[in-house]
Amino acid sequence: MNKTPARLLLALSLFAAGCGRQNANPNAEAPPPAQVEQEQNGAVVQVDHPEQIALATATARSARSELPVTAVVTPDVARNVPVVSLVSGRVVEIHARLGDTVQKDQLLLKIRSDDISSGYSDYRKAVADEQLASAQLDRAKDLYAHGAISMNDYQIAQDAEQKAKVDLETTGEHLRLLGSDPDKPNIYVEIHAPVAGVITDQEVTDASTVQAFGINPFIISDLSYVWVVCDVYENNLASIRLGDTADIRLNAFPDRVLQGKVSNIGAILDPNLHTAKVRIEVQNPGQNPGENPGMMRVGMFATATFHGQRQETHTVVPATAVLHLHDNDWVFLPTPDRKFQRTQISLGAALPGNMQEVLTGLAPGAQVVRDALTLENTVEQ
């Protein structure tokens, strides 16, 4: 069999196939181009009837700059009066406790003291010595009148009697200073309140011991005026001056605004926080010494707002225009294509008339949706 024609046909077919590949369009064999779909902006919302959405115009408000800081109520140390024990001994009775309101001369505690026993012993000895010296002076006077003794002996008797009187007066005054009556021997000492006020510190309990001029058993504070002490960062110290007024809002009474005056700006900063202690003196409403503790109580948390000297202009919108979402604050702005853009803002103070101050994120004159929560609920539905 002749294989030449078969081989020739095979070669011709291979040649034709190669030529076909050279003339093929490479673009026809490439994959189709990718089509990218634009993701919808979640901050832009659209409603069916945007003309029915009520809008409001943001206005401008000019006011002095404000600096709010946290604070705590403390006693005025100039109005703290320590209750001092002049004797050492053991407490046998306590008639007042921490936080009690006390009157001046009210009995606070009773102490059994050996100091009183020693004081009475010295007093009785002084009485005996004075009686002896007085009798010797009378005898010396009679002897001197009859020429039995010299003038010198008579003067010595006078000197002894005068010294005995001094000792008697001194020991008696010492007992009275310790709170005891020299004519009524008693081993107990009663300690009374030196002033009217509130007991803000107590260092004694039943059967405890007290040292003379040691730790004070009590501290009584006059809370008619108190201190509001706050920490201010060094970057904000330039906006606070001595004598400036500050608004005080207690956490317990947020609707009540009190006013105080800056009386001290700390000269030493906290090395870790870089804050200075600022002290504000405030009159305590409803407080009368010895009657009631007043509205401001020691240890209460408060917010102090300082008013600066420069004027600042901020934006004001209706409070209903603000949407609180994901720990942030937002307003809705209308767009030219009849949609609404959600924009983040930072809030300032709440203003009368259900208005809200906006510090950043919105300029005066801008249009905002009056009821942001209603719009947000409509979109979610």
Protein backbone atom coordinates (compact mmCIF):
# COMPACT_ATOMS: atom_id res chain seq x y z
CA MET A 1 0.00 0.00 0.00
CA ASN A 2 1.33 3.44 -0.90
CA LYS A 3 1.47 5.62 2.24
CA THR A 4 2.55 8.83 0.48
CA PRO A 5 -0.97 10.22 -0.28
CA ALA A 6 -2.04 9.61 3.32
CA ARG A 7 0.98 11.45 4.68
CA LEU A 8 0.39 14.29 2.26
CA LEU A 9 -3.21 14.70 3.38
CA LEU A 10 -2.09 14.75 7.04
CA ALA A 11 0.48 17.47 6.41
CA LEU A 12 -2.02 19.60 4.54
CA SER A 13 -4.52 19.34 7.40
CA LEU A 14 -1.93 20.36 9.99
CA PHE A 15 -0.87 23.36 7.89
CA ALA A 16 -4.45 24.52 7.53
CA ALA A 17 -4.99 24.26 11.25
CA GLY A 18 -1.88 26.37 11.99
CA CYS A 19 -2.95 29.05 9.56
CA GLY A 20 -6.38 29.17 11.20
CA ARG A 21 -4.87 29.83 14.57
CA GLN A 22 -2.75 32.71 13.23
CA ASN A 23 -5.81 34.47 11.77
CA ALA A 24 -8.00 34.06 14.96
CA ASN A 25 -9.13 37.14 16.99
CA PRO A 26 -7.45 37.10 20.46
CA ASN A 27 -10.11 39.38 21.92
CA ALA A 28 -12.72 36.78 21.21
CA GLU A 29 -10.93 34.33 23.51
CA ALA A 30 -10.46 36.85 26.50
CA PRO A 31 -12.85 36.70 29.56
CA PRO A 32 -15.65 39.31 29.65
CA PRO A 33 -14.88 42.54 31.58
CA ALA A 34 -15.96 42.67 35.26
CA GLN A 35 -18.98 44.81 36.10
CA VAL A 36 -18.60 46.66 39.45
CA GLU A 37 -21.83 47.60 41.23
CA GLN A 38 -21.67 50.73 43.31
CA GLU A 39 -22.63 50.05 46.95
CA GLN A 40 -25.47 52.24 48.23
CA ASN A 41 -24.44 54.93 50.75
CA GLY A 42 -26.00 54.02 54.08
CA ALA A 43 -25.86 57.69 55.22
CA VAL A 44 -28.15 58.80 52.38
CA VAL A 45 -31.83 57.90 52.69
CA GLN A 46 -34.73 58.31 50.32
CA VAL A 47 -38.46 58.46 50.99
CA ASP A 48 -41.44 58.37 48.71
CA HIS A 49 -42.69 61.86 49.48
CA PRO A 50 -39.73 64.04 50.53
CA GLU A 51 -41.88 67.17 50.26
CA GLN A 52 -43.82 65.99 53.31
CA ILE A 53 -40.73 66.00 55.54
CA ALA A 54 -40.69 69.14 57.71
CA LEU A 55 -37.44 71.09 57.72
CA ALA A 56 -35.95 73.62 60.14
CA THR A 57 -33.26 76.23 59.69
CA ALA A 58 -30.24 76.13 62.00
CA THR A 59 -29.66 79.46 63.74
CA ALA A 60 -26.63 81.07 65.37
CA ARG A 61 -26.17 81.74 69.11
CA SER A 62 -23.46 83.94 70.55
CA ALA A 63 -22.42 83.39 74.15
CA ARG A 64 -19.38 83.33 76.36
CA SER A 65 -17.26 80.21 76.20
CA GLU A 66 -18.09 77.51 78.74
CA LEU A 67 -15.95 74.84 80.36
CA PRO A 68 -17.81 72.04 82.18
CA VAL A 69 -15.78 69.85 84.59
CA THR A 70 -16.63 67.25 87.19
CA ALA A 71 -16.38 68.19 90.87
CA VAL A 72 -17.10 67.01 94.40
CA VAL A 73 -18.51 68.79 97.46
CA THR A 74 -16.14 69.09 100.44
CA PRO A 75 -16.26 71.00 103.74
CA ASP A 76 -14.68 74.42 104.02
CA VAL A 77 -11.61 73.67 106.15
CA ALA A 78 -11.76 77.17 107.60
CA ARG A 79 -15.14 76.20 109.05
CA ASN A 80 -13.95 72.87 110.53
CA VAL A 81 -13.67 72.93 114.32
CA PRO A 82 -11.87 70.03 116.03
CA VAL A 83 -13.22 68.66 119.30
CA VAL A 84 -10.14 68.47 121.52
CA SER A 85 -9.73 66.25 124.59
CA LEU A 86 -7.51 67.74 127.26
CA VAL A 87 -7.33 64.48 129.21
CA SER A 88 -6.33 60.92 128.44
CA GLY A 89 -8.62 58.07 129.33
CA ARG A 90 -11.19 55.53 128.17
CA VAL A 91 -14.45 56.41 126.47
CA VAL A 92 -17.43 55.24 128.53
CA GLU A 93 -20.28 57.05 126.74
CA ILE A 94 -20.79 58.45 123.25
CA HIS A 95 -23.76 60.74 122.70
CA ALA A 96 -23.17 61.74 119.05
CA ARG A 97 -22.21 59.98 115.85
CA LEU A 98 -20.70 60.77 112.47
CA GLY A 99 -23.14 62.81 110.39
CA ASP A 100 -25.18 64.08 113.34
CA THR A 101 -26.17 67.72 113.56
CA VAL A 102 -25.20 69.08 116.98
CA GLN A 103 -25.77 72.28 118.93
CA LYS A 104 -23.15 74.30 120.76
CA ASP A 105 -22.39 72.90 124.25
CA GLN A 106 -24.18 69.63 123.45
CA LEU A 107 -22.72 66.61 125.27
CA LEU A 108 -20.67 64.49 122.84
CA LEU A 109 -18.89 61.90 124.98
CA LYS A 110 -17.78 61.02 128.49
CA ILE A 111 -14.29 59.87 129.44
CA ARG A 112 -13.00 58.13 132.56
CA SER A 113 -9.58 59.65 133.16
CA ASP A 114 -6.76 59.20 135.69
CA ASP A 115 -5.71 62.75 134.84
CA ILE A 116 -8.75 63.97 136.75
CA SER A 117 -7.87 61.82 139.73
CA SER A 118 -4.38 63.29 139.79
CA GLY A 119 -5.81 66.77 139.39
CA TYR A 120 -8.12 66.34 142.38
CA SER A 121 -5.22 64.95 144.42
CA ASP A 122 -3.11 68.01 143.64
CA TYR A 123 -6.05 70.29 144.41
CA ARG A 124 -6.71 68.75 147.81
CA LYS A 125 -3.04 68.96 148.70
CA ALA A 126 -3.03 72.63 147.69
CA VAL A 127 -6.06 73.24 149.92
CA ALA A 128 -4.28 71.66 152.88
CA ASP A 129 -1.07 73.58 152.22
CA GLU A 130 -2.97 76.87 151.95
CA GLN A 131 -4.80 76.23 155.20
CA LEU A 132 -1.52 75.45 156.97
CA ALA A 133 0.20 78.50 155.50
CA SER A 134 -2.73 80.72 156.53
CA ALA A 135 -2.61 79.42 160.10
CA GLN A 136 1.17 79.93 160.29
CA LEU A 137 0.77 83.47 158.98
CA ASP A 138 -1.78 84.30 161.66
CA ARG A 139 0.52 82.91 164.33
CA ALA A 140 3.54 84.76 162.95
CA LYS A 141 1.56 87.98 162.85
CA ASP A 142 0.64 87.62 166.51
CA LEU A 143 4.19 86.76 167.53
CA TYR A 144 5.60 89.67 165.53
CA ALA A 145 3.15 92.01 167.23
CA HIS A 146 4.48 90.91 170.62
CA GLY A 147 8.12 91.13 169.49
CA ALA A 148 8.64 87.39 169.67
CA ILE A 149 9.90 87.04 166.08
CA SER A 150 11.77 89.24 163.70
CA MET A 151 10.41 91.05 160.66
CA ASN A 152 12.19 88.55 158.40
CA ASP A 153 10.36 85.59 159.95
CA TYR A 154 7.07 87.39 159.53
CA GLN A 155 7.79 88.10 155.85
CA ILE A 156 8.70 84.46 155.25
CA ALA A 157 5.32 83.40 156.67
CA GLN A 158 3.58 85.91 154.36
CA ASP A 159 5.47 84.60 151.35
CA ALA A 160 4.58 80.98 152.16
CA GLU A 161 0.90 81.84 152.49
CA GLN A 162 0.85 83.74 149.14
CA LYS A 163 2.54 80.85 147.35
CA ALA A 164 0.04 78.41 148.86
CA LYS A 165 -2.81 80.57 147.50
CA VAL A 166 -1.25 80.56 144.02
CA ASP A 167 -0.95 76.77 144.07
CA LEU A 168 -4.55 76.45 145.19
CA GLU A 169 -5.83 78.75 142.46
CA THR A 170 -3.70 77.01 139.81
CA THR A 171 -4.79 73.48 140.66
CA GLY A 172 -8.44 74.58 140.83
CA GLU A 173 -8.22 76.31 137.44
CA HIS A 174 -6.56 73.22 136.01
CA LEU A 175 -9.53 71.08 137.07
CA ARG A 176 -11.98 73.57 135.61
CA LEU A 177 -10.01 73.57 132.36
CA LEU A 178 -10.32 69.79 132.20
CA GLY A 179 -14.06 70.11 132.60
CA SER A 180 -14.43 69.30 136.30
CA ASP A 181 -15.70 71.24 139.28
CA PRO A 182 -13.07 71.46 142.05
CA ASP A 183 -15.82 71.35 144.67
CA LYS A 184 -17.43 68.22 143.18
CA PRO A 185 -14.88 65.41 142.87
CA ASN A 186 -15.54 63.27 139.80
CA ILE A 187 -13.37 60.84 137.83
CA TYR A 188 -15.36 61.37 134.61
CA VAL A 189 -14.90 64.17 132.09
CA GLU A 190 -17.68 65.36 129.80
CA ILE A 191 -16.71 66.77 126.41
CA HIS A 192 -19.16 69.19 124.81
CA ALA A 193 -19.48 70.60 121.30
CA PRO A 194 -17.56 73.87 121.00
CA VAL A 195 -19.74 75.06 118.09
CA ALA A 196 -22.94 74.10 116.28
CA GLY A 197 -22.66 72.13 113.05
CA VAL A 198 -22.40 68.68 111.52
CA ILE A 199 -19.99 65.98 112.70
CA THR A 200 -17.91 65.26 109.60
CA ASP A 201 -15.25 63.08 111.23
CA GLN A 202 -15.29 60.63 114.15
CA GLU A 203 -12.23 58.85 115.52
CA VAL A 204 -13.63 57.24 118.69
CA THR A 205 -15.88 54.32 119.51
CA ASP A 206 -17.25 52.87 122.72
CA ALA A 207 -14.47 51.71 125.10
CA SER A 208 -11.75 53.22 122.93
CA THR A 209 -8.95 55.29 124.44
CA VAL A 210 -8.32 58.99 124.01
CA GLN A 211 -5.00 60.74 124.33
CA ALA A 212 -4.72 64.28 125.58
CA PHE A 213 -4.04 66.61 122.62
CA GLY A 214 -3.89 63.52 120.40
CA ILE A 215 -6.20 62.55 117.56
CA ASN A 216 -9.35 64.63 117.74
CA PRO A 217 -12.39 62.52 118.71
CA PHE A 218 -14.67 64.56 116.42
CA ILE A 219 -14.58 67.32 113.84
CA ILE A 220 -17.60 69.60 113.60
CA SER A 221 -18.12 71.47 110.33
CA ASP A 222 -20.21 74.51 109.61
CA LEU A 223 -21.77 73.58 106.23
CA SER A 224 -23.51 76.89 105.59
CA TYR A 225 -20.73 77.42 103.03
CA VAL A 226 -18.96 74.52 101.31
CA TRP A 227 -16.22 73.98 98.77
CA VAL A 228 -16.76 72.49 95.34
CA VAL A 229 -13.38 71.13 94.25
CA CYS A 230 -12.77 70.15 90.62
CA ASP A 231 -9.85 69.04 88.44
CA VAL A 232 -9.07 71.25 85.44
CA TYR A 233 -6.59 70.24 82.73
CA GLU A 234 -3.67 72.58 82.23
CA ASN A 235 -4.80 73.40 78.67
CA ASN A 236 -7.99 74.94 80.09
CA LEU A 237 -6.47 76.86 83.01
CA ALA A 238 -6.11 80.02 80.94
CA SER A 239 -9.90 80.38 80.78
CA ILE A 240 -10.32 80.39 84.59
CA ARG A 241 -9.53 83.37 86.81
CA LEU A 242 -9.84 84.07 90.52
CA GLY A 243 -13.16 85.66 91.34
CA ASP A 244 -14.97 84.21 88.32
CA THR A 245 -18.42 82.78 88.87
CA ALA A 246 -19.29 79.18 88.06
CA ASP A 247 -22.58 77.34 87.72
CA ILE A 248 -22.90 74.26 89.94
CA ARG A 249 -25.25 71.39 89.13
CA LEU A 250 -25.48 68.55 91.62
CA ASN A 251 -25.99 65.05 90.27
CA ALA A 252 -28.68 64.58 92.92
CA PHE A 253 -30.53 67.76 91.85
CA PRO A 254 -29.79 68.22 88.11
CA ASP A 255 -32.53 70.82 87.62
CA ARG A 256 -31.18 73.14 90.33
CA VAL A 257 -28.40 75.55 89.32
CA LEU A 258 -26.26 77.09 92.06
CA GLN A 259 -23.62 79.76 91.72
CA GLY A 260 -20.21 79.93 93.35
CA LYS A 261 -17.03 81.96 93.12
CA VAL A 262 -13.55 80.69 92.27
CA SER A 263 -11.45 81.24 95.39
CA ASN A 264 -8.31 79.27 94.56
CA ILE A 265 -6.51 77.80 91.54
CA GLY A 266 -3.98 75.16 92.55
CA ALA A 267 -0.34 76.07 92.06
CA ILE A 268 0.75 72.41 91.72
CA LEU A 269 -0.43 70.09 88.96
CA ASP A 270 -1.14 66.42 89.38
CA PRO A 271 1.98 64.74 87.87
CA ASN A 272 -0.05 61.93 86.27
CA LEU A 273 -3.16 63.72 84.98
CA HIS A 274 -1.69 67.23 84.57
CA THR A 275 -4.71 68.78 86.26
CA ALA A 276 -4.95 71.53 88.83
CA LYS A 277 -7.36 71.68 91.75
CA VAL A 278 -9.79 74.57 91.40
CA ARG A 279 -11.79 75.53 94.49
CA ILE A 280 -15.22 77.15 94.32
CA GLU A 281 -16.97 78.57 97.38
CA VAL A 282 -20.73 78.02 97.35
CA GLN A 283 -23.43 78.92 99.84
CA ASN A 284 -25.33 75.81 100.89
CA PRO A 285 -29.06 76.39 100.29
CA GLY A 286 -31.33 75.57 103.21
CA GLN A 287 -28.48 75.05 105.68
CA ASN A 288 -28.50 76.63 109.12
CA PRO A 289 -25.77 75.70 111.61
CA GLY A 290 -27.09 73.17 114.05
CA GLU A 291 -30.44 72.73 112.31
CA ASN A 292 -30.14 70.75 109.05
CA PRO A 293 -27.35 69.74 106.68
CA GLY A 294 -28.72 71.62 103.67
CA MET A 295 -29.01 70.55 100.06
CA MET A 296 -25.26 70.21 99.40
CA ARG A 297 -23.87 67.28 101.32
CA VAL A 298 -20.23 66.37 101.75
CA GLY A 299 -19.06 63.92 99.08
CA MET A 300 -21.75 64.73 96.52
CA PHE A 301 -20.71 64.71 92.85
CA ALA A 302 -21.39 67.83 90.82
CA THR A 303 -20.65 69.51 87.51
CA ALA A 304 -19.05 72.95 87.57
CA THR A 305 -19.40 75.12 84.45
CA PHE A 306 -16.93 78.00 84.11
CA HIS A 307 -17.84 80.96 81.90
CA GLY A 308 -14.90 82.29 79.92
CA GLN A 309 -14.21 85.87 78.83
CA ARG A 310 -14.41 85.43 75.04
CA GLN A 311 -17.58 85.24 72.94
CA GLU A 312 -18.24 82.14 70.84
CA THR A 313 -20.85 81.53 68.14
CA HIS A 314 -22.49 78.10 67.88
CA THR A 315 -25.27 76.60 65.86
CA VAL A 316 -28.70 75.97 67.39
CA VAL A 317 -31.30 73.48 66.11
CA PRO A 318 -34.51 72.02 67.55
CA ALA A 319 -33.75 69.18 69.95
CA THR A 320 -35.99 66.90 67.86
CA ALA A 321 -33.65 67.36 64.89
CA VAL A 322 -30.90 65.42 66.67
CA LEU A 323 -30.76 61.64 66.30
CA HIS A 324 -28.82 59.65 68.91
CA LEU A 325 -27.50 56.53 67.18
CA HIS A 326 -24.55 54.22 67.98
CA ASP A 327 -23.27 56.54 70.76
CA ASN A 328 -23.10 59.43 68.29
CA ASP A 329 -25.32 62.37 67.38
CA TRP A 330 -26.64 63.01 63.86
CA VAL A 331 -28.85 65.34 61.84
CA PHE A 332 -30.42 64.82 58.41
CA LEU A 333 -29.66 67.39 55.68
CA PRO A 334 -31.69 67.58 52.44
CA THR A 335 -29.69 66.98 49.23
CA PRO A 336 -30.30 68.52 45.77
CA ASP A 337 -31.62 65.18 44.44
CA ARG A 338 -34.46 65.17 47.02
CA LYS A 339 -32.75 62.74 49.38
CA PHE A 340 -31.49 63.21 52.95
CA GLN A 341 -27.85 63.01 54.08
CA ARG A 342 -27.14 61.85 57.63
CA THR A 343 -24.37 64.02 59.12
CA GLN A 344 -22.56 63.52 62.42
CA ILE A 345 -22.40 66.45 64.86
CA SER A 346 -21.14 67.16 68.38
CA LEU A 347 -23.54 68.65 70.88
CA GLY A 348 -23.18 71.48 73.35
CA ALA A 349 -25.59 72.59 76.04
CA ALA A 350 -29.32 71.97 76.07
CA LEU A 351 -31.11 75.31 75.72
CA PRO A 352 -34.54 76.50 76.83
CA GLY A 353 -37.45 76.05 74.47
CA ASN A 354 -36.46 72.49 73.52
CA MET A 355 -33.47 73.75 71.53
CA GLN A 356 -30.02 72.17 71.28
CA GLU A 357 -26.62 73.76 70.83
CA VAL A 358 -24.34 72.20 68.19
CA LEU A 359 -20.60 72.72 68.55
CA THR A 360 -19.26 71.13 65.35
CA GLY A 361 -20.58 69.51 62.18
CA LEU A 362 -23.29 72.03 61.26
CA ALA A 363 -23.20 75.67 60.20
CA PRO A 364 -25.87 78.30 60.91
CA GLY A 365 -28.37 78.67 58.09
CA ALA A 366 -28.31 75.00 57.10
CA GLN A 367 -31.59 73.15 56.55
CA VAL A 368 -32.16 70.09 58.76
CA VAL A 369 -35.00 67.63 59.19
CA ARG A 370 -37.08 68.85 62.12
CA ASP A 371 -37.96 65.35 63.41
CA ALA A 372 -34.96 63.09 62.81
CA LEU A 373 -36.34 60.12 64.74
CA THR A 374 -39.53 60.01 62.66
CA LEU A 375 -37.50 60.04 59.43
CA GLU A 376 -35.24 57.27 60.71
CA ASN A 377 -38.23 55.09 61.66
CA THR A 378 -39.83 55.70 58.24
CA VAL A 379 -36.69 54.55 56.45
CA GLU A 380 -36.36 51.41 58.60
CA GLN A 381 -39.95 50.43 57.81
